[in-house]
Amino acid sequence: MNTILANYTASITELKKSPTELLKNAGDEAIAILNHNSPSAYLIPSETYEKLMEIVEEYHLSKKVEERLSDIEKPIKVNIDEL
């Protein structure tokens, strides 16, 4: 059985009938869309999605920073005012 990672659930049929009503009832919470009682998708507010994308972008940037800092060359300290 799959774990449902949301406080609200709806069937695909319910989603087809009234997506606006589902979003209204869930507020700023995610909704698990179920197909045969198993999550097939998650419907999340746009603000939540945007925050998730920021987190992913920051994660990838931090990995690049770590990669570049681990290069053989010694890091150079730079003053932003001198740029």
PDB file of N, CA and C in Angstrom:
ATOM      1  N   MET A   1       0.840  -1.187   0.000  1.00  0.00           N
ATOM      2  CA  MET A   1       0.000   0.000   0.000  1.00  0.00           C
ATOM      3  C   MET A   1       0.881   1.245   0.000  1.00  0.00           C
ATOM      4  N   ASN A   2       0.521   2.227  -0.817  1.00  0.00           N
ATOM      5  CA  ASN A   2       1.282   3.469  -0.915  1.00  0.00           C
ATOM      6  C   ASN A   2       0.921   4.430   0.199  1.00  0.00           C
ATOM      7  N   THR A   3       1.910   5.135   0.699  1.00  0.00           N
ATOM      8  CA  THR A   3       1.680   6.151   1.715  1.00  0.00           C
ATOM      9  C   THR A   3       1.090   7.393   1.050  1.00  0.00           C
ATOM     10  N   ILE A   4       0.084   7.956   1.684  1.00  0.00           N
ATOM     11  CA  ILE A   4      -0.541   9.179   1.176  1.00  0.00           C
ATOM     12  C   ILE A   4       0.076  10.349   1.932  1.00  0.00           C
ATOM     13  N   LEU A   5       0.719  11.237   1.194  1.00  0.00           N
ATOM     14  CA  LEU A   5       1.453  12.350   1.793  1.00  0.00           C
ATOM     15  C   LEU A   5       0.643  13.644   1.754  1.00  0.00           C
ATOM     16  N   ALA A   6      -0.611  13.564   2.145  1.00  0.00           N
ATOM     17  CA  ALA A   6      -1.475  14.741   2.167  1.00  0.00           C
ATOM     18  C   ALA A   6      -2.585  14.527   3.184  1.00  0.00           C
ATOM     19  N   ASN A   7      -3.096  15.633   3.713  1.00  0.00           N
ATOM     20  CA  ASN A   7      -4.216  15.561   4.658  1.00  0.00           C
ATOM     21  C   ASN A   7      -5.557  15.453   3.953  1.00  0.00           C
ATOM     22  N   TYR A   8      -5.591  15.825   2.691  1.00  0.00           N
ATOM     23  CA  TYR A   8      -6.823  15.785   1.908  1.00  0.00           C
ATOM     24  C   TYR A   8      -6.659  14.814   0.745  1.00  0.00           C
ATOM     25  N   THR A   9      -7.743  14.120   0.441  1.00  0.00           N
ATOM     26  CA  THR A   9      -7.734  13.208  -0.703  1.00  0.00           C
ATOM     27  C   THR A   9      -8.983  13.433  -1.540  1.00  0.00           C
ATOM     28  N   ALA A  10      -8.883  13.067  -2.810  1.00  0.00           N
ATOM     29  CA  ALA A  10     -10.026  13.147  -3.713  1.00  0.00           C
ATOM     30  C   ALA A  10      -9.803  12.134  -4.825  1.00  0.00           C
ATOM     31  N   SER A  11     -10.882  11.633  -5.347  1.00  0.00           N
ATOM     32  CA  SER A  11     -10.782  10.718  -6.478  1.00  0.00           C
ATOM     33  C   SER A  11     -10.629  11.535  -7.764  1.00  0.00           C
ATOM     34  N   ILE A  12     -10.227  10.863  -8.804  1.00  0.00           N
ATOM     35  CA  ILE A  12     -10.128  11.529 -10.105  1.00  0.00           C
ATOM     36  C   ILE A  12     -11.502  12.033 -10.537  1.00  0.00           C
ATOM     37  N   THR A  13     -12.551  11.284 -10.230  1.00  0.00           N
ATOM     38  CA  THR A  13     -13.913  11.699 -10.557  1.00  0.00           C
ATOM     39  C   THR A  13     -14.271  13.000  -9.843  1.00  0.00           C
ATOM     40  N   GLU A  14     -13.922  13.100  -8.552  1.00  0.00           N
ATOM     41  CA  GLU A  14     -14.175  14.332  -7.801  1.00  0.00           C
ATOM     42  C   GLU A  14     -13.386  15.502  -8.383  1.00  0.00           C
ATOM     43  N   LEU A  15     -12.170  15.234  -8.808  1.00  0.00           N
ATOM     44  CA  LEU A  15     -11.351  16.276  -9.412  1.00  0.00           C
ATOM     45  C   LEU A  15     -11.982  16.777 -10.702  1.00  0.00           C
ATOM     46  N   LYS A  16     -12.506  15.875 -11.508  1.00  0.00           N
ATOM     47  CA  LYS A  16     -13.158  16.259 -12.769  1.00  0.00           C
ATOM     48  C   LYS A  16     -14.416  17.086 -12.511  1.00  0.00           C
ATOM     49  N   LYS A  17     -15.167  16.712 -11.466  1.00  0.00           N
ATOM     50  CA  LYS A  17     -16.424  17.399 -11.165  1.00  0.00           C
ATOM     51  C   LYS A  17     -16.204  18.834 -10.727  1.00  0.00           C
ATOM     52  N   SER A  18     -15.276  19.036  -9.776  1.00  0.00           N
ATOM     53  CA  SER A  18     -15.147  20.369  -9.195  1.00  0.00           C
ATOM     54  C   SER A  18     -13.743  20.631  -8.657  1.00  0.00           C
ATOM     55  N   PRO A  19     -12.779  20.894  -9.536  1.00  0.00           N
ATOM     56  CA  PRO A  19     -11.419  21.166  -9.054  1.00  0.00           C
ATOM     57  C   PRO A  19     -11.343  22.426  -8.190  1.00  0.00           C
ATOM     58  N   THR A  20     -12.112  23.428  -8.514  1.00  0.00           N
ATOM     59  CA  THR A  20     -12.101  24.669  -7.740  1.00  0.00           C
ATOM     60  C   THR A  20     -12.590  24.428  -6.319  1.00  0.00           C
ATOM     61  N   GLU A  21     -13.621  23.620  -6.183  1.00  0.00           N
ATOM     62  CA  GLU A  21     -14.165  23.303  -4.854  1.00  0.00           C
ATOM     63  C   GLU A  21     -13.136  22.536  -4.018  1.00  0.00           C
ATOM     64  N   LEU A  22     -12.431  21.612  -4.637  1.00  0.00           N
ATOM     65  CA  LEU A  22     -11.393  20.860  -3.919  1.00  0.00           C
ATOM     66  C   LEU A  22     -10.319  21.805  -3.389  1.00  0.00           C
ATOM     67  N   LEU A  23      -9.852  22.701  -4.243  1.00  0.00           N
ATOM     68  CA  LEU A  23      -8.822  23.655  -3.829  1.00  0.00           C
ATOM     69  C   LEU A  23      -9.320  24.557  -2.711  1.00  0.00           C
ATOM     70  N   LYS A  24     -10.556  24.990  -2.825  1.00  0.00           N
ATOM     71  CA  LYS A  24     -11.157  25.858  -1.803  1.00  0.00           C
ATOM     72  C   LYS A  24     -11.217  25.136  -0.456  1.00  0.00           C
ATOM     73  N   ASN A  25     -11.658  23.895  -0.463  1.00  0.00           N
ATOM     74  CA  ASN A  25     -11.796  23.126   0.778  1.00  0.00           C
ATOM     75  C   ASN A  25     -10.446  22.793   1.420  1.00  0.00           C
ATOM     76  N   ALA A  26      -9.432  22.582   0.602  1.00  0.00           N
ATOM     77  CA  ALA A  26      -8.119  22.206   1.127  1.00  0.00           C
ATOM     78  C   ALA A  26      -7.318  23.418   1.604  1.00  0.00           C
ATOM     79  N   GLY A  27      -7.697  24.602   1.160  1.00  0.00           N
ATOM     80  CA  GLY A  27      -6.956  25.805   1.561  1.00  0.00           C
ATOM     81  C   GLY A  27      -5.557  25.774   0.996  1.00  0.00           C
ATOM     82  N   ASP A  28      -4.545  25.846   1.880  1.00  0.00           N
ATOM     83  CA  ASP A  28      -3.156  25.827   1.399  1.00  0.00           C
ATOM     84  C   ASP A  28      -2.513  24.453   1.581  1.00  0.00           C
ATOM     85  N   GLU A  29      -3.320  23.442   1.712  1.00  0.00           N
ATOM     86  CA  GLU A  29      -2.837  22.058   1.870  1.00  0.00           C
ATOM     87  C   GLU A  29      -2.798  21.336   0.531  1.00  0.00           C
ATOM     88  N   ALA A  30      -1.958  20.320   0.452  1.00  0.00           N
ATOM     89  CA  ALA A  30      -1.894  19.467  -0.739  1.00  0.00           C
ATOM     90  C   ALA A  30      -3.075  18.501  -0.743  1.00  0.00           C
ATOM     91  N   ILE A  31      -3.475  18.093  -1.932  1.00  0.00           N
ATOM     92  CA  ILE A  31      -4.558  17.117  -2.097  1.00  0.00           C
ATOM     93  C   ILE A  31      -3.989  15.923  -2.847  1.00  0.00           C
ATOM     94  N   ALA A  32      -4.141  14.744  -2.282  1.00  0.00           N
ATOM     95  CA  ALA A  32      -3.728  13.526  -2.975  1.00  0.00           C
ATOM     96  C   ALA A  32      -4.877  13.098  -3.879  1.00  0.00           C
ATOM     97  N   ILE A  33      -4.588  12.948  -5.163  1.00  0.00           N
ATOM     98  CA  ILE A  33      -5.594  12.484  -6.118  1.00  0.00           C
ATOM     99  C   ILE A  33      -5.437  10.970  -6.216  1.00  0.00           C
ATOM    100  N   LEU A  34      -6.507  10.271  -5.878  1.00  0.00           N
ATOM    101  CA  LEU A  34      -6.456   8.810  -5.800  1.00  0.00           C
ATOM    102  C   LEU A  34      -7.055   8.152  -7.033  1.00  0.00           C
ATOM    103  N   ASN A  35      -6.413   7.088  -7.450  1.00  0.00           N
ATOM    104  CA  ASN A  35      -6.913   6.236  -8.516  1.00  0.00           C
ATOM    105  C   ASN A  35      -6.900   4.821  -7.958  1.00  0.00           C
ATOM    106  N   HIS A  36      -8.074   4.243  -7.781  1.00  0.00           N
ATOM    107  CA  HIS A  36      -8.221   2.925  -7.141  1.00  0.00           C
ATOM    108  C   HIS A  36      -7.570   2.928  -5.755  1.00  0.00           C
ATOM    109  N   ASN A  37      -7.859   3.961  -4.982  1.00  0.00           N
ATOM    110  CA  ASN A  37      -7.389   4.141  -3.605  1.00  0.00           C
ATOM    111  C   ASN A  37      -5.875   4.218  -3.463  1.00  0.00           C
ATOM    112  N   SER A  38      -5.193   4.567  -4.524  1.00  0.00           N
ATOM    113  CA  SER A  38      -3.752   4.727  -4.496  1.00  0.00           C
ATOM    114  C   SER A  38      -3.424   6.108  -5.075  1.00  0.00           C
ATOM    115  N   PRO A  39      -2.511   6.859  -4.446  1.00  0.00           N
ATOM    116  CA  PRO A  39      -2.205   8.194  -4.956  1.00  0.00           C
ATOM    117  C   PRO A  39      -1.602   8.137  -6.362  1.00  0.00           C
ATOM    118  N   SER A  40      -2.208   8.888  -7.267  1.00  0.00           N
ATOM    119  CA  SER A  40      -1.681   8.944  -8.630  1.00  0.00           C
ATOM    120  C   SER A  40      -1.111  10.320  -8.944  1.00  0.00           C
ATOM    121  N   ALA A  41      -1.481  11.328  -8.138  1.00  0.00           N
ATOM    122  CA  ALA A  41      -0.970  12.678  -8.325  1.00  0.00           C
ATOM    123  C   ALA A  41      -1.239  13.485  -7.059  1.00  0.00           C
ATOM    124  N   TYR A  42      -0.550  14.610  -6.975  1.00  0.00           N
ATOM    125  CA  TYR A  42      -0.789  15.547  -5.879  1.00  0.00           C
ATOM    126  C   TYR A  42      -1.108  16.904  -6.483  1.00  0.00           C
ATOM    127  N   LEU A  43      -2.136  17.518  -5.960  1.00  0.00           N
ATOM    128  CA  LEU A  43      -2.544  18.851  -6.379  1.00  0.00           C
ATOM    129  C   LEU A  43      -2.120  19.799  -5.264  1.00  0.00           C
ATOM    130  N   ILE A  44      -1.237  20.735  -5.595  1.00  0.00           N
ATOM    131  CA  ILE A  44      -0.737  21.647  -4.567  1.00  0.00           C
ATOM    132  C   ILE A  44      -0.958  23.090  -5.003  1.00  0.00           C
ATOM    133  N   PRO A  45      -1.125  23.991  -4.037  1.00  0.00           N
ATOM    134  CA  PRO A  45      -1.291  25.408  -4.376  1.00  0.00           C
ATOM    135  C   PRO A  45      -0.051  25.936  -5.097  1.00  0.00           C
ATOM    136  N   SER A  46      -0.251  26.925  -5.951  1.00  0.00           N
ATOM    137  CA  SER A  46       0.860  27.473  -6.741  1.00  0.00           C
ATOM    138  C   SER A  46       1.965  28.037  -5.847  1.00  0.00           C
ATOM    139  N   GLU A  47       1.611  28.648  -4.735  1.00  0.00           N
ATOM    140  CA  GLU A  47       2.625  29.197  -3.825  1.00  0.00           C
ATOM    141  C   GLU A  47       3.523  28.086  -3.280  1.00  0.00           C
ATOM    142  N   THR A  48       2.923  26.956  -2.947  1.00  0.00           N
ATOM    143  CA  THR A  48       3.689  25.816  -2.444  1.00  0.00           C
ATOM    144  C   THR A  48       4.631  25.292  -3.522  1.00  0.00           C
ATOM    145  N   TYR A  49       4.137  25.186  -4.749  1.00  0.00           N
ATOM    146  CA  TYR A  49       4.958  24.719  -5.852  1.00  0.00           C
ATOM    147  C   TYR A  49       6.140  25.656  -6.088  1.00  0.00           C
ATOM    148  N   GLU A  50       5.886  26.945  -6.048  1.00  0.00           N
ATOM    149  CA  GLU A  50       6.954  27.926  -6.248  1.00  0.00           C
ATOM    150  C   GLU A  50       8.019  27.806  -5.169  1.00  0.00           C
ATOM    151  N   LYS A  51       7.605  27.601  -3.918  1.00  0.00           N
ATOM    152  CA  LYS A  51       8.564  27.421  -2.821  1.00  0.00           C
ATOM    153  C   LYS A  51       9.382  26.149  -3.034  1.00  0.00           C
ATOM    154  N   LEU A  52       8.730  25.081  -3.466  1.00  0.00           N
ATOM    155  CA  LEU A  52       9.441  23.836  -3.736  1.00  0.00           C
ATOM    156  C   LEU A  52      10.490  24.021  -4.829  1.00  0.00           C
ATOM    157  N   MET A  53      10.132  24.758  -5.875  1.00  0.00           N
ATOM    158  CA  MET A  53      11.084  24.995  -6.958  1.00  0.00           C
ATOM    159  C   MET A  53      12.278  25.823  -6.478  1.00  0.00           C
ATOM    160  N   GLU A  54      12.039  26.785  -5.584  1.00  0.00           N
ATOM    161  CA  GLU A  54      13.135  27.564  -5.005  1.00  0.00           C
ATOM    162  C   GLU A  54      14.067  26.663  -4.204  1.00  0.00           C
ATOM    163  N   ILE A  55      13.492  25.754  -3.419  1.00  0.00           N
ATOM    164  CA  ILE A  55      14.289  24.826  -2.612  1.00  0.00           C
ATOM    165  C   ILE A  55      15.139  23.938  -3.510  1.00  0.00           C
ATOM    166  N   VAL A  56      14.552  23.425  -4.575  1.00  0.00           N
ATOM    167  CA  VAL A  56      15.287  22.569  -5.512  1.00  0.00           C
ATOM    168  C   VAL A  56      16.424  23.356  -6.166  1.00  0.00           C
ATOM    169  N   GLU A  57      16.141  24.578  -6.587  1.00  0.00           N
ATOM    170  CA  GLU A  57      17.162  25.406  -7.226  1.00  0.00           C
ATOM    171  C   GLU A  57      18.307  25.696  -6.260  1.00  0.00           C
ATOM    172  N   GLU A  58      17.970  26.039  -5.015  1.00  0.00           N
ATOM    173  CA  GLU A  58      18.998  26.311  -4.015  1.00  0.00           C
ATOM    174  C   GLU A  58      19.829  25.063  -3.722  1.00  0.00           C
ATOM    175  N   TYR A  59      19.194  23.916  -3.722  1.00  0.00           N
ATOM    176  CA  TYR A  59      19.910  22.657  -3.501  1.00  0.00           C
ATOM    177  C   TYR A  59      20.938  22.433  -4.616  1.00  0.00           C
ATOM    178  N   HIS A  60      20.505  22.604  -5.864  1.00  0.00           N
ATOM    179  CA  HIS A  60      21.417  22.406  -6.994  1.00  0.00           C
ATOM    180  C   HIS A  60      22.564  23.430  -6.965  1.00  0.00           C
ATOM    181  N   LEU A  61      22.247  24.666  -6.602  1.00  0.00           N
ATOM    182  CA  LEU A  61      23.299  25.671  -6.501  1.00  0.00           C
ATOM    183  C   LEU A  61      24.297  25.327  -5.399  1.00  0.00           C
ATOM    184  N   SER A  62      23.800  24.826  -4.271  1.00  0.00           N
ATOM    185  CA  SER A  62      24.704  24.462  -3.168  1.00  0.00           C
ATOM    186  C   SER A  62      25.610  23.303  -3.576  1.00  0.00           C
ATOM    187  N   LYS A  63      25.087  22.379  -4.377  1.00  0.00           N
ATOM    188  CA  LYS A  63      25.908  21.266  -4.871  1.00  0.00           C
ATOM    189  C   LYS A  63      27.012  21.786  -5.792  1.00  0.00           C
ATOM    190  N   LYS A  64      26.685  22.769  -6.639  1.00  0.00           N
ATOM    191  CA  LYS A  64      27.701  23.364  -7.513  1.00  0.00           C
ATOM    192  C   LYS A  64      28.776  24.069  -6.696  1.00  0.00           C
ATOM    193  N   VAL A  65      28.350  24.787  -5.664  1.00  0.00           N
ATOM    194  CA  VAL A  65      29.305  25.486  -4.798  1.00  0.00           C
ATOM    195  C   VAL A  65      30.228  24.473  -4.137  1.00  0.00           C
ATOM    196  N   GLU A  66      29.663  23.401  -3.579  1.00  0.00           N
ATOM    197  CA  GLU A  66      30.474  22.366  -2.946  1.00  0.00           C
ATOM    198  C   GLU A  66      31.456  21.757  -3.937  1.00  0.00           C
ATOM    199  N   GLU A  67      30.985  21.504  -5.139  1.00  0.00           N
ATOM    200  CA  GLU A  67      31.831  20.924  -6.184  1.00  0.00           C
ATOM    201  C   GLU A  67      32.999  21.844  -6.524  1.00  0.00           C
ATOM    202  N   ARG A  68      32.697  23.113  -6.673  1.00  0.00           N
ATOM    203  CA  ARG A  68      33.741  24.069  -7.033  1.00  0.00           C
ATOM    204  C   ARG A  68      34.709  24.321  -5.884  1.00  0.00           C
ATOM    205  N   LEU A  69      34.207  24.273  -4.653  1.00  0.00           N
ATOM    206  CA  LEU A  69      35.089  24.453  -3.496  1.00  0.00           C
ATOM    207  C   LEU A  69      36.018  23.259  -3.298  1.00  0.00           C
ATOM    208  N   SER A  70      35.610  22.108  -3.772  1.00  0.00           N
ATOM    209  CA  SER A  70      36.436  20.916  -3.605  1.00  0.00           C
ATOM    210  C   SER A  70      37.464  20.770  -4.723  1.00  0.00           C
ATOM    211  N   ASP A  71      37.451  21.694  -5.685  1.00  0.00           N
ATOM    212  CA  ASP A  71      38.471  21.686  -6.738  1.00  0.00           C
ATOM    213  C   ASP A  71      39.849  21.829  -6.112  1.00  0.00           C
ATOM    214  N   ILE A  72      40.838  21.488  -6.879  1.00  0.00           N
ATOM    215  CA  ILE A  72      42.222  21.548  -6.416  1.00  0.00           C
ATOM    216  C   ILE A  72      42.640  22.974  -6.094  1.00  0.00           C
ATOM    217  N   GLU A  73      42.148  23.927  -6.864  1.00  0.00           N
ATOM    218  CA  GLU A  73      42.544  25.313  -6.663  1.00  0.00           C
ATOM    219  C   GLU A  73      42.038  25.860  -5.337  1.00  0.00           C
ATOM    220  N   LYS A  74      42.817  26.741  -4.770  1.00  0.00           N
ATOM    221  CA  LYS A  74      42.441  27.383  -3.522  1.00  0.00           C
ATOM    222  C   LYS A  74      41.412  28.475  -3.817  1.00  0.00           C
ATOM    223  N   PRO A  75      40.324  28.560  -3.021  1.00  0.00           N
ATOM    224  CA  PRO A  75      39.321  29.601  -3.260  1.00  0.00           C
ATOM    225  C   PRO A  75      39.925  31.005  -3.073  1.00  0.00           C
ATOM    226  N   ILE A  76      39.405  31.939  -3.830  1.00  0.00           N
ATOM    227  CA  ILE A  76      39.869  33.320  -3.759  1.00  0.00           C
ATOM    228  C   ILE A  76      38.782  34.160  -3.108  1.00  0.00           C
ATOM    229  N   LYS A  77      39.172  34.921  -2.096  1.00  0.00           N
ATOM    230  CA  LYS A  77      38.234  35.803  -1.424  1.00  0.00           C
ATOM    231  C   LYS A  77      38.040  37.052  -2.278  1.00  0.00           C
ATOM    232  N   VAL A  78      36.779  37.442  -2.495  1.00  0.00           N
ATOM    233  CA  VAL A  78      36.468  38.581  -3.334  1.00  0.00           C
ATOM    234  C   VAL A  78      35.542  39.530  -2.588  1.00  0.00           C
ATOM    235  N   ASN A  79      35.813  40.813  -2.702  1.00  0.00           N
ATOM    236  CA  ASN A  79      34.953  41.826  -2.109  1.00  0.00           C
ATOM    237  C   ASN A  79      33.981  42.275  -3.198  1.00  0.00           C
ATOM    238  N   ILE A  80      32.709  42.190  -2.930  1.00  0.00           N
ATOM    239  CA  ILE A  80      31.695  42.525  -3.949  1.00  0.00           C
ATOM    240  C   ILE A  80      31.792  43.972  -4.396  1.00  0.00           C
ATOM    241  N   ASP A  81      32.264  44.865  -3.530  1.00  0.00           N
ATOM    242  CA  ASP A  81      32.393  46.266  -3.891  1.00  0.00           C
ATOM    243  C   ASP A  81      33.504  46.505  -4.924  1.00  0.00           C
ATOM    244  N   GLU A  82      34.433  45.570  -5.006  1.00  0.00           N
ATOM    245  CA  GLU A  82      35.539  45.707  -5.960  1.00  0.00           C
ATOM    246  C   GLU A  82      35.177  45.159  -7.333  1.00  0.00           C
ATOM    247  N   LEU A  83      34.059  44.530  -7.475  1.00  0.00           N
ATOM    248  CA  LEU A  83      33.683  43.948  -8.760  1.00  0.00           C
ATOM    249  C   LEU A  83      33.137  44.943  -9.675  1.00  0.00           C
TER     250      LEU A  83
END
